[in-house]
């Protein structure tokens, strides 16, 4: 998947209020690559992680539910995010991985 041919057209006439000239240059230089990276993380890591940790309709988990701990506090995981809010989970995982890389 590549959005590289769509993104530049969308940003062609964008207003960059409240940015210094230095930040405008960085944004202009890296915005397409940064957006593609975020989309890739969203799709691959976020949606992919939903395939790794799920509870089937029969109530069985595809992982050892009793041994799974939260990497942020070491406590047992108390629940799973349901498929109806999958994109919330996806974006949350993506940002946690970006912000706390030493935990993963």
Protein backbone atom coordinates (compact mmCIF):
# COMPACT_ATOMS: atom_id res chain seq x y z
CA UNK A 1 0.00 0.00 0.00
CA UNK A 2 1.31 3.43 -0.85
CA UNK A 3 -0.39 6.74 -0.30
CA UNK A 4 2.56 8.69 -1.64
CA UNK A 5 0.76 9.72 -4.80
CA UNK A 6 -2.36 10.94 -2.96
CA UNK A 7 -0.89 12.78 0.01
CA UNK A 8 1.08 15.54 -1.82
CA UNK A 9 -2.06 16.73 -3.59
CA UNK A 10 -3.93 16.94 -0.30
CA UNK A 11 -1.19 19.07 1.29
CA UNK A 12 -0.46 21.31 -1.69
CA UNK A 13 -2.36 24.34 -0.38
CA UNK A 14 -2.40 23.59 3.33
CA UNK A 15 -1.98 26.39 5.84
CA UNK A 16 0.69 25.85 8.48
CA UNK A 17 -0.39 28.23 11.21
CA UNK A 18 1.52 28.44 14.48
CA UNK A 19 4.68 26.78 13.13
CA UNK A 20 8.12 28.32 13.03
CA UNK A 21 9.83 28.45 9.64
CA UNK A 22 12.15 25.65 10.78
CA UNK A 23 9.19 23.44 11.75
CA UNK A 24 7.42 24.22 8.46
CA UNK A 25 10.48 23.00 6.57
CA UNK A 26 10.58 19.77 8.61
CA UNK A 27 6.86 19.20 8.11
CA UNK A 28 7.11 19.79 4.38
CA UNK A 29 10.12 17.49 4.08
CA UNK A 30 8.83 14.55 6.16
CA UNK A 31 5.02 14.68 6.16
CA UNK A 32 4.47 12.04 3.46
CA UNK A 33 6.99 9.60 4.93
CA UNK A 34 5.67 10.16 8.46
CA UNK A 35 2.08 9.60 7.37
CA UNK A 36 2.99 6.42 5.47
CA UNK A 37 4.86 5.15 8.55
CA UNK A 38 1.86 5.84 10.78
CA UNK A 39 -0.50 4.08 8.35
CA UNK A 40 1.87 1.10 8.12
CA UNK A 41 2.09 0.83 11.90
CA UNK A 42 -1.68 1.14 12.15
CA UNK A 43 -2.32 -1.66 9.66
CA UNK A 44 0.54 -4.06 10.39
CA UNK A 45 1.14 -3.73 14.11
CA UNK A 46 -2.28 -2.57 15.22
CA UNK A 47 -4.56 -4.85 13.22
CA UNK A 48 -1.94 -7.60 13.31
CA UNK A 49 -1.88 -7.54 17.11
CA UNK A 50 -5.62 -8.17 17.12
CA UNK A 51 -4.98 -11.49 15.42
CA UNK A 52 -2.48 -12.47 18.09
CA UNK A 53 -4.61 -11.79 21.15
CA UNK A 54 -8.21 -12.76 20.63
CA UNK A 55 -11.02 -14.66 22.25
CA UNK A 56 -12.97 -16.95 19.93
CA UNK A 57 -16.76 -17.27 19.85
CA UNK A 58 -16.49 -20.52 21.85
CA UNK A 59 -14.82 -18.59 24.70
CA UNK A 60 -11.34 -20.00 24.08
CA UNK A 61 -8.35 -17.69 23.84
CA UNK A 62 -5.60 -18.11 21.25
CA UNK A 63 -2.99 -17.32 23.93
CA UNK A 64 -2.35 -18.22 27.57
CA UNK A 65 -4.81 -15.79 29.16
CA UNK A 66 -3.71 -16.65 32.70
CA UNK A 67 -0.07 -15.71 32.01
CA UNK A 68 -0.57 -12.49 30.04
CA UNK A 69 0.53 -9.34 31.87
CA UNK A 70 0.23 -5.67 31.06
CA UNK A 71 3.70 -4.45 29.93
CA UNK A 72 3.10 -1.05 31.54
CA UNK A 73 2.36 -2.21 35.09
CA UNK A 74 3.10 -5.95 35.20
CA UNK A 75 -0.43 -6.72 36.36
CA UNK A 76 -2.60 -9.44 34.79
CA UNK A 77 -4.62 -8.24 31.81
CA UNK A 78 -8.19 -7.72 32.97
CA UNK A 79 -9.93 -7.71 29.58
CA UNK A 80 -9.64 -7.49 25.84
CA UNK A 81 -10.91 -4.81 23.51
CA UNK A 82 -13.79 -6.14 21.47
CA UNK A 83 -13.82 -6.09 17.65
CA UNK A 84 -16.41 -3.30 17.61
CA UNK A 85 -13.74 -0.87 18.77
CA UNK A 86 -10.82 -2.41 16.87
CA UNK A 87 -9.53 0.86 15.44
CA UNK A 88 -9.34 2.35 18.93
CA UNK A 89 -7.16 -0.60 19.96
CA UNK A 90 -5.11 -0.32 16.79
CA UNK A 91 -4.28 3.35 17.22
CA UNK A 92 -3.66 2.92 20.94
CA UNK A 93 -1.14 0.12 20.29
CA UNK A 94 0.53 2.11 17.53
CA UNK A 95 1.05 5.15 19.75
CA UNK A 96 2.16 3.09 22.75
CA UNK A 97 4.76 1.32 20.62
CA UNK A 98 5.96 4.65 19.21
CA UNK A 99 6.10 6.37 22.60
CA UNK A 100 7.45 3.46 24.70
CA UNK A 101 9.79 1.54 22.37
CA UNK A 102 11.95 0.28 25.24
CA UNK A 103 8.97 -1.73 26.56
CA UNK A 104 8.55 -3.68 23.33
